[in-house]
Amino acid sequence: MIEFKAIIMHIYSFEKLETWQKARLFRKEIYLLVKKFTREEIFGLTSQIKRSASSIGDCLAEGSGRITAKDKAHFVSMSYSSALETINHIIGAHDLGYINDEEYKFFRLNLDELTNKLNALRKSILKN
């Protein structure tokens, strides 16, 4: 008989952030979306949008390990910049016909929500 031991994993501070949780879900949606892109875009737009969407959450995670509020806020700003880059890629994907109007609106609204949350998080960090 196999015995399973209960594994207790530490929950890191970034995992508790609603902003990171939304960024995590957004990254998943992007990865599912780009499966529809043409093969010729695999090293172009597909690669770029996956990288920038992943970077939103990556920067939040990395910044959570910093000591000073100024340093933490800097990584939130980098996350915000990655979100803006992703908006640009979504616009490009729409312009090239890789995504339709409905998909564009879905991703754009999600990014708008993320950027608003990132702004609020940065202000909150600097306030403390």
N, C-alpha and C. Protein backbone atom coordinates (compact mmCIF):
# COMPACT_ATOMS: atom_id res chain seq x y z
N MET A 1 0.84 -1.18 0.00
CA MET A 1 0.00 0.00 0.00
C MET A 1 0.89 1.25 0.00
N ILE A 2 0.51 2.22 -0.82
CA ILE A 2 1.27 3.47 -0.91
C ILE A 2 0.70 4.47 0.08
N GLU A 3 1.59 5.09 0.83
CA GLU A 3 1.17 6.14 1.77
C GLU A 3 1.48 7.50 1.18
N PHE A 4 0.54 8.38 1.29
CA PHE A 4 0.76 9.75 0.84
C PHE A 4 0.89 10.64 2.06
N LYS A 5 1.93 11.43 2.06
CA LYS A 5 2.12 12.39 3.14
C LYS A 5 1.50 13.71 2.71
N ALA A 6 0.92 14.38 3.66
CA ALA A 6 0.37 15.70 3.37
C ALA A 6 1.52 16.67 3.12
N ILE A 7 1.43 17.36 2.03
CA ILE A 7 2.46 18.34 1.70
C ILE A 7 1.89 19.73 1.97
N ILE A 8 2.61 20.45 2.75
CA ILE A 8 2.18 21.81 3.06
C ILE A 8 3.10 22.75 2.29
N MET A 9 2.52 23.46 1.34
CA MET A 9 3.29 24.41 0.55
C MET A 9 3.10 25.81 1.10
N HIS A 10 4.19 26.55 1.09
CA HIS A 10 4.13 27.94 1.51
C HIS A 10 3.44 28.75 0.41
N ILE A 11 2.58 29.65 0.81
CA ILE A 11 1.94 30.57 -0.13
C ILE A 11 2.71 31.88 -0.05
N TYR A 12 3.30 32.27 -1.15
CA TYR A 12 4.09 33.49 -1.19
C TYR A 12 3.19 34.71 -1.30
N SER A 13 3.71 35.85 -0.88
CA SER A 13 2.88 37.06 -0.83
C SER A 13 2.31 37.43 -2.19
N PHE A 14 3.06 37.23 -3.27
CA PHE A 14 2.54 37.60 -4.59
C PHE A 14 1.35 36.74 -4.98
N GLU A 15 1.30 35.49 -4.50
CA GLU A 15 0.19 34.60 -4.84
C GLU A 15 -1.12 35.06 -4.21
N LYS A 16 -1.02 35.87 -3.18
CA LYS A 16 -2.21 36.39 -2.50
C LYS A 16 -2.76 37.64 -3.18
N LEU A 17 -1.97 38.25 -4.04
CA LEU A 17 -2.39 39.48 -4.70
C LEU A 17 -3.46 39.20 -5.76
N GLU A 18 -4.56 39.87 -5.66
CA GLU A 18 -5.61 39.73 -6.68
C GLU A 18 -5.08 40.10 -8.06
N THR A 19 -4.20 41.09 -8.09
CA THR A 19 -3.62 41.53 -9.36
C THR A 19 -2.80 40.41 -10.00
N TRP A 20 -1.99 39.71 -9.20
CA TRP A 20 -1.21 38.59 -9.73
C TRP A 20 -2.12 37.46 -10.19
N GLN A 21 -3.17 37.19 -9.42
CA GLN A 21 -4.10 36.12 -9.79
C GLN A 21 -4.76 36.42 -11.14
N LYS A 22 -5.12 37.68 -11.36
CA LYS A 22 -5.71 38.07 -12.64
C LYS A 22 -4.68 37.98 -13.76
N ALA A 23 -3.45 38.36 -13.47
CA ALA A 23 -2.38 38.26 -14.47
C ALA A 23 -2.12 36.80 -14.84
N ARG A 24 -2.20 35.94 -13.86
CA ARG A 24 -2.02 34.50 -14.10
C ARG A 24 -3.09 33.97 -15.05
N LEU A 25 -4.35 34.31 -14.79
CA LEU A 25 -5.45 33.88 -15.66
C LEU A 25 -5.33 34.49 -17.05
N PHE A 26 -4.90 35.75 -17.09
CA PHE A 26 -4.76 36.44 -18.37
C PHE A 26 -3.70 35.74 -19.22
N ARG A 27 -2.57 35.37 -18.61
CA ARG A 27 -1.51 34.67 -19.34
C ARG A 27 -2.06 33.38 -19.96
N LYS A 28 -2.85 32.65 -19.20
CA LYS A 28 -3.43 31.41 -19.71
C LYS A 28 -4.30 31.69 -20.93
N GLU A 29 -5.12 32.73 -20.86
CA GLU A 29 -5.99 33.09 -21.99
C GLU A 29 -5.16 33.46 -23.22
N ILE A 30 -4.06 34.16 -23.02
CA ILE A 30 -3.19 34.54 -24.13
C ILE A 30 -2.58 33.30 -24.77
N TYR A 31 -2.10 32.38 -23.95
CA TYR A 31 -1.50 31.15 -24.49
C TYR A 31 -2.51 30.34 -25.30
N LEU A 32 -3.76 30.33 -24.85
CA LEU A 32 -4.80 29.64 -25.61
C LEU A 32 -5.10 30.38 -26.92
N LEU A 33 -5.10 31.70 -26.84
CA LEU A 33 -5.39 32.52 -28.02
C LEU A 33 -4.37 32.31 -29.13
N VAL A 34 -3.09 32.34 -28.80
CA VAL A 34 -2.07 32.33 -29.84
C VAL A 34 -1.94 30.98 -30.55
N LYS A 35 -2.59 29.98 -30.02
CA LYS A 35 -2.61 28.69 -30.73
C LYS A 35 -3.29 28.82 -32.08
N LYS A 36 -4.13 29.86 -32.23
CA LYS A 36 -4.85 30.11 -33.48
C LYS A 36 -4.01 30.87 -34.50
N PHE A 37 -2.94 31.51 -34.06
CA PHE A 37 -2.12 32.32 -34.96
C PHE A 37 -1.42 31.41 -35.97
N THR A 38 -1.06 31.99 -37.10
CA THR A 38 -0.39 31.21 -38.13
C THR A 38 0.99 30.77 -37.67
N ARG A 39 1.43 29.68 -38.25
CA ARG A 39 2.74 29.11 -37.91
C ARG A 39 3.87 30.10 -38.20
N GLU A 40 3.70 30.92 -39.22
CA GLU A 40 4.75 31.88 -39.58
C GLU A 40 4.97 32.94 -38.50
N GLU A 41 4.03 33.08 -37.60
CA GLU A 41 4.14 34.06 -36.50
C GLU A 41 4.79 33.48 -35.24
N ILE A 42 5.17 32.22 -35.27
CA ILE A 42 5.65 31.56 -34.06
C ILE A 42 6.84 32.28 -33.42
N PHE A 43 7.73 32.85 -34.24
CA PHE A 43 8.88 33.58 -33.70
C PHE A 43 8.66 35.09 -33.74
N GLY A 44 7.49 35.50 -34.14
CA GLY A 44 7.16 36.91 -34.22
C GLY A 44 6.15 37.29 -33.15
N LEU A 45 4.96 37.61 -33.61
CA LEU A 45 3.91 38.09 -32.72
C LEU A 45 3.56 37.08 -31.63
N THR A 46 3.50 35.81 -31.98
CA THR A 46 3.16 34.77 -30.99
C THR A 46 4.14 34.79 -29.83
N SER A 47 5.41 34.81 -30.16
CA SER A 47 6.46 34.82 -29.13
C SER A 47 6.40 36.10 -28.30
N GLN A 48 6.23 37.23 -28.97
CA GLN A 48 6.23 38.52 -28.28
C GLN A 48 5.05 38.68 -27.33
N ILE A 49 3.88 38.28 -27.76
CA ILE A 49 2.69 38.46 -26.91
C ILE A 49 2.73 37.51 -25.72
N LYS A 50 3.24 36.30 -25.92
CA LYS A 50 3.37 35.36 -24.81
C LYS A 50 4.38 35.89 -23.79
N ARG A 51 5.48 36.44 -24.28
CA ARG A 51 6.51 36.97 -23.39
C ARG A 51 6.00 38.17 -22.59
N SER A 52 5.34 39.10 -23.26
CA SER A 52 4.88 40.31 -22.55
C SER A 52 3.75 39.97 -21.58
N ALA A 53 2.85 39.07 -21.96
CA ALA A 53 1.75 38.68 -21.06
C ALA A 53 2.30 37.94 -19.84
N SER A 54 3.30 37.09 -20.04
CA SER A 54 3.91 36.38 -18.92
C SER A 54 4.63 37.34 -17.99
N SER A 55 5.24 38.35 -18.56
CA SER A 55 6.02 39.32 -17.79
C SER A 55 5.17 40.12 -16.80
N ILE A 56 3.90 40.25 -17.06
CA ILE A 56 3.02 40.99 -16.14
C ILE A 56 3.07 40.33 -14.76
N GLY A 57 2.82 39.05 -14.70
CA GLY A 57 2.86 38.32 -13.43
C GLY A 57 4.27 38.09 -12.93
N ASP A 58 5.20 37.87 -13.87
CA ASP A 58 6.60 37.63 -13.48
C ASP A 58 7.16 38.80 -12.67
N CYS A 59 6.89 40.00 -13.14
CA CYS A 59 7.42 41.19 -12.45
C CYS A 59 6.78 41.36 -11.07
N LEU A 60 5.50 41.03 -10.96
CA LEU A 60 4.85 41.10 -9.64
C LEU A 60 5.48 40.10 -8.68
N ALA A 61 5.76 38.91 -9.17
CA ALA A 61 6.38 37.89 -8.32
C ALA A 61 7.78 38.33 -7.91
N GLU A 62 8.57 38.79 -8.87
CA GLU A 62 9.94 39.20 -8.55
C GLU A 62 9.95 40.39 -7.60
N GLY A 63 9.09 41.34 -7.85
CA GLY A 63 9.04 42.53 -6.99
C GLY A 63 8.63 42.23 -5.57
N SER A 64 7.85 41.18 -5.38
CA SER A 64 7.40 40.84 -4.02
C SER A 64 8.55 40.41 -3.13
N GLY A 65 9.67 40.04 -3.73
CA GLY A 65 10.83 39.62 -2.95
C GLY A 65 11.77 40.77 -2.62
N ARG A 66 11.44 41.95 -3.04
CA ARG A 66 12.30 43.11 -2.77
C ARG A 66 12.01 43.68 -1.39
N ILE A 67 12.98 44.37 -0.85
CA ILE A 67 12.88 44.86 0.52
C ILE A 67 12.18 46.21 0.62
N THR A 68 12.62 47.16 -0.18
CA THR A 68 12.10 48.53 -0.03
C THR A 68 10.82 48.72 -0.84
N ALA A 69 10.00 49.64 -0.37
CA ALA A 69 8.76 49.97 -1.08
C ALA A 69 9.07 50.53 -2.46
N LYS A 70 10.12 51.33 -2.55
CA LYS A 70 10.51 51.91 -3.84
C LYS A 70 10.87 50.81 -4.84
N ASP A 71 11.61 49.82 -4.39
CA ASP A 71 12.00 48.71 -5.25
C ASP A 71 10.79 47.87 -5.66
N LYS A 72 9.90 47.60 -4.69
CA LYS A 72 8.68 46.84 -5.00
C LYS A 72 7.84 47.60 -6.04
N ALA A 73 7.69 48.90 -5.84
CA ALA A 73 6.90 49.73 -6.76
C ALA A 73 7.51 49.74 -8.16
N HIS A 74 8.84 49.71 -8.22
CA HIS A 74 9.52 49.68 -9.52
C HIS A 74 9.11 48.44 -10.32
N PHE A 75 9.02 47.29 -9.66
CA PHE A 75 8.63 46.07 -10.36
C PHE A 75 7.15 46.09 -10.75
N VAL A 76 6.33 46.76 -9.98
CA VAL A 76 4.92 46.93 -10.38
C VAL A 76 4.87 47.82 -11.63
N SER A 77 5.73 48.84 -11.67
CA SER A 77 5.80 49.69 -12.86
C SER A 77 6.25 48.89 -14.08
N MET A 78 7.19 47.98 -13.89
CA MET A 78 7.64 47.13 -15.00
C MET A 78 6.50 46.22 -15.46
N SER A 79 5.71 45.73 -14.51
CA SER A 79 4.55 44.91 -14.83
C SER A 79 3.55 45.72 -15.66
N TYR A 80 3.33 46.96 -15.26
CA TYR A 80 2.44 47.87 -15.99
C TYR A 80 2.94 48.06 -17.43
N SER A 81 4.26 48.26 -17.56
CA SER A 81 4.84 48.42 -18.90
C SER A 81 4.62 47.18 -19.75
N SER A 82 4.74 46.01 -19.16
CA SER A 82 4.48 44.76 -19.89
C SER A 82 3.03 44.67 -20.32
N ALA A 83 2.12 45.16 -19.48
CA ALA A 83 0.70 45.16 -19.84
C ALA A 83 0.46 46.09 -21.04
N LEU A 84 1.13 47.25 -21.04
CA LEU A 84 1.00 48.17 -22.18
C LEU A 84 1.56 47.54 -23.45
N GLU A 85 2.68 46.86 -23.32
CA GLU A 85 3.25 46.17 -24.48
C GLU A 85 2.27 45.12 -25.00
N THR A 86 1.62 44.43 -24.09
CA THR A 86 0.65 43.41 -24.49
C THR A 86 -0.55 44.04 -25.20
N ILE A 87 -0.97 45.22 -24.74
CA ILE A 87 -2.04 45.94 -25.44
C ILE A 87 -1.62 46.20 -26.88
N ASN A 88 -0.40 46.65 -27.06
CA ASN A 88 0.10 46.91 -28.41
C ASN A 88 0.07 45.63 -29.27
N HIS A 89 0.44 44.51 -28.69
CA HIS A 89 0.41 43.25 -29.44
C HIS A 89 -1.02 42.83 -29.77
N ILE A 90 -1.95 43.07 -28.85
CA ILE A 90 -3.36 42.76 -29.11
C ILE A 90 -3.89 43.62 -30.26
N ILE A 91 -3.50 44.88 -30.26
CA ILE A 91 -3.90 45.77 -31.36
C ILE A 91 -3.34 45.24 -32.68
N GLY A 92 -2.06 44.85 -32.66
CA GLY A 92 -1.44 44.30 -33.86
C GLY A 92 -2.12 43.03 -34.34
N ALA A 93 -2.45 42.14 -33.40
CA ALA A 93 -3.13 40.89 -33.75
C ALA A 93 -4.49 41.17 -34.38
N HIS A 94 -5.17 42.19 -33.86
CA HIS A 94 -6.47 42.58 -34.42
C HIS A 94 -6.29 43.17 -35.81
N ASP A 95 -5.32 44.07 -35.95
CA ASP A 95 -5.06 44.69 -37.25
C ASP A 95 -4.72 43.65 -38.33
N LEU A 96 -4.01 42.59 -37.93
CA LEU A 96 -3.60 41.56 -38.88
C LEU A 96 -4.68 40.49 -39.10
N GLY A 97 -5.79 40.61 -38.38
CA GLY A 97 -6.89 39.67 -38.55
C GLY A 97 -6.71 38.35 -37.81
N TYR A 98 -5.76 38.29 -36.87
CA TYR A 98 -5.57 37.07 -36.09
C TYR A 98 -6.63 36.92 -35.00
N ILE A 99 -7.18 38.06 -34.58
CA ILE A 99 -8.28 38.02 -33.60
C ILE A 99 -9.42 38.87 -34.13
N ASN A 100 -10.64 38.46 -33.79
CA ASN A 100 -11.81 39.20 -34.25
C ASN A 100 -12.16 40.31 -33.26
N ASP A 101 -13.20 41.07 -33.57
CA ASP A 101 -13.60 42.20 -32.73
C ASP A 101 -13.96 41.77 -31.31
N GLU A 102 -14.65 40.65 -31.19
CA GLU A 102 -15.07 40.16 -29.88
C GLU A 102 -13.86 39.77 -29.03
N GLU A 103 -12.92 39.08 -29.63
CA GLU A 103 -11.71 38.70 -28.90
C GLU A 103 -10.90 39.93 -28.52
N TYR A 104 -10.79 40.87 -29.45
CA TYR A 104 -10.07 42.11 -29.16
C TYR A 104 -10.68 42.81 -27.94
N LYS A 105 -11.99 42.92 -27.94
CA LYS A 105 -12.67 43.59 -26.84
C LYS A 105 -12.43 42.84 -25.52
N PHE A 106 -12.52 41.52 -25.54
CA PHE A 106 -12.29 40.71 -24.34
C PHE A 106 -10.90 40.96 -23.76
N PHE A 107 -9.88 40.86 -24.62
CA PHE A 107 -8.51 41.02 -24.13
C PHE A 107 -8.21 42.45 -23.74
N ARG A 108 -8.76 43.39 -24.49
CA ARG A 108 -8.52 44.80 -24.19
C ARG A 108 -9.15 45.18 -22.84
N LEU A 109 -10.37 44.72 -22.59
CA LEU A 109 -11.02 45.02 -21.31
C LEU A 109 -10.29 44.37 -20.14
N ASN A 110 -9.79 43.17 -20.35
CA ASN A 110 -9.01 42.50 -19.30
C ASN A 110 -7.72 43.25 -19.02
N LEU A 111 -7.08 43.74 -20.05
CA LEU A 111 -5.86 44.51 -19.87
C LEU A 111 -6.15 45.86 -19.21
N ASP A 112 -7.27 46.48 -19.56
CA ASP A 112 -7.65 47.73 -18.91
C ASP A 112 -7.84 47.51 -17.41
N GLU A 113 -8.48 46.42 -17.05
CA GLU A 113 -8.67 46.10 -15.64
C GLU A 113 -7.33 45.85 -14.95
N LEU A 114 -6.46 45.11 -15.61
CA LEU A 114 -5.15 44.82 -15.04
C LEU A 114 -4.33 46.10 -14.83
N THR A 115 -4.31 46.98 -15.83
CA THR A 115 -3.52 48.21 -15.68
C THR A 115 -4.08 49.09 -14.56
N ASN A 116 -5.38 49.13 -14.40
CA ASN A 116 -5.97 49.89 -13.29
C ASN A 116 -5.56 49.31 -11.95
N LYS A 117 -5.56 47.99 -11.84
CA LYS A 117 -5.16 47.33 -10.60
C LYS A 117 -3.67 47.53 -10.33
N LEU A 118 -2.87 47.50 -11.36
CA LEU A 118 -1.44 47.73 -11.20
C LEU A 118 -1.16 49.15 -10.72
N ASN A 119 -1.86 50.13 -11.28
CA ASN A 119 -1.72 51.51 -10.82
C ASN A 119 -2.09 51.64 -9.35
N ALA A 120 -3.19 51.03 -8.96
CA ALA A 120 -3.64 51.09 -7.57
C ALA A 120 -2.64 50.39 -6.64
N LEU A 121 -2.11 49.27 -7.08
CA LEU A 121 -1.13 48.54 -6.27
C LEU A 121 0.13 49.37 -6.08
N ARG A 122 0.62 49.98 -7.13
CA ARG A 122 1.82 50.81 -7.05
C ARG A 122 1.61 51.98 -6.08
N LYS A 123 0.47 52.64 -6.18
CA LYS A 123 0.18 53.75 -5.27
C LYS A 123 0.10 53.26 -3.83
N SER A 124 -0.51 52.12 -3.64
CA SER A 124 -0.64 51.55 -2.29
C SER A 124 0.73 51.23 -1.69
N ILE A 125 1.62 50.67 -2.48
CA ILE A 125 2.96 50.32 -2.01
C ILE A 125 3.72 51.58 -1.60
N LEU A 126 3.63 52.61 -2.43
CA LEU A 126 4.37 53.85 -2.14
C LEU A 126 3.78 54.64 -0.99
N LYS A 127 2.50 54.42 -0.72
CA LYS A 127 1.83 55.12 0.38
C LYS A 127 2.31 54.61 1.73
N ASN A 128 2.64 53.34 1.80
CA ASN A 128 3.03 52.70 3.08
C ASN A 128 4.44 52.99 3.46
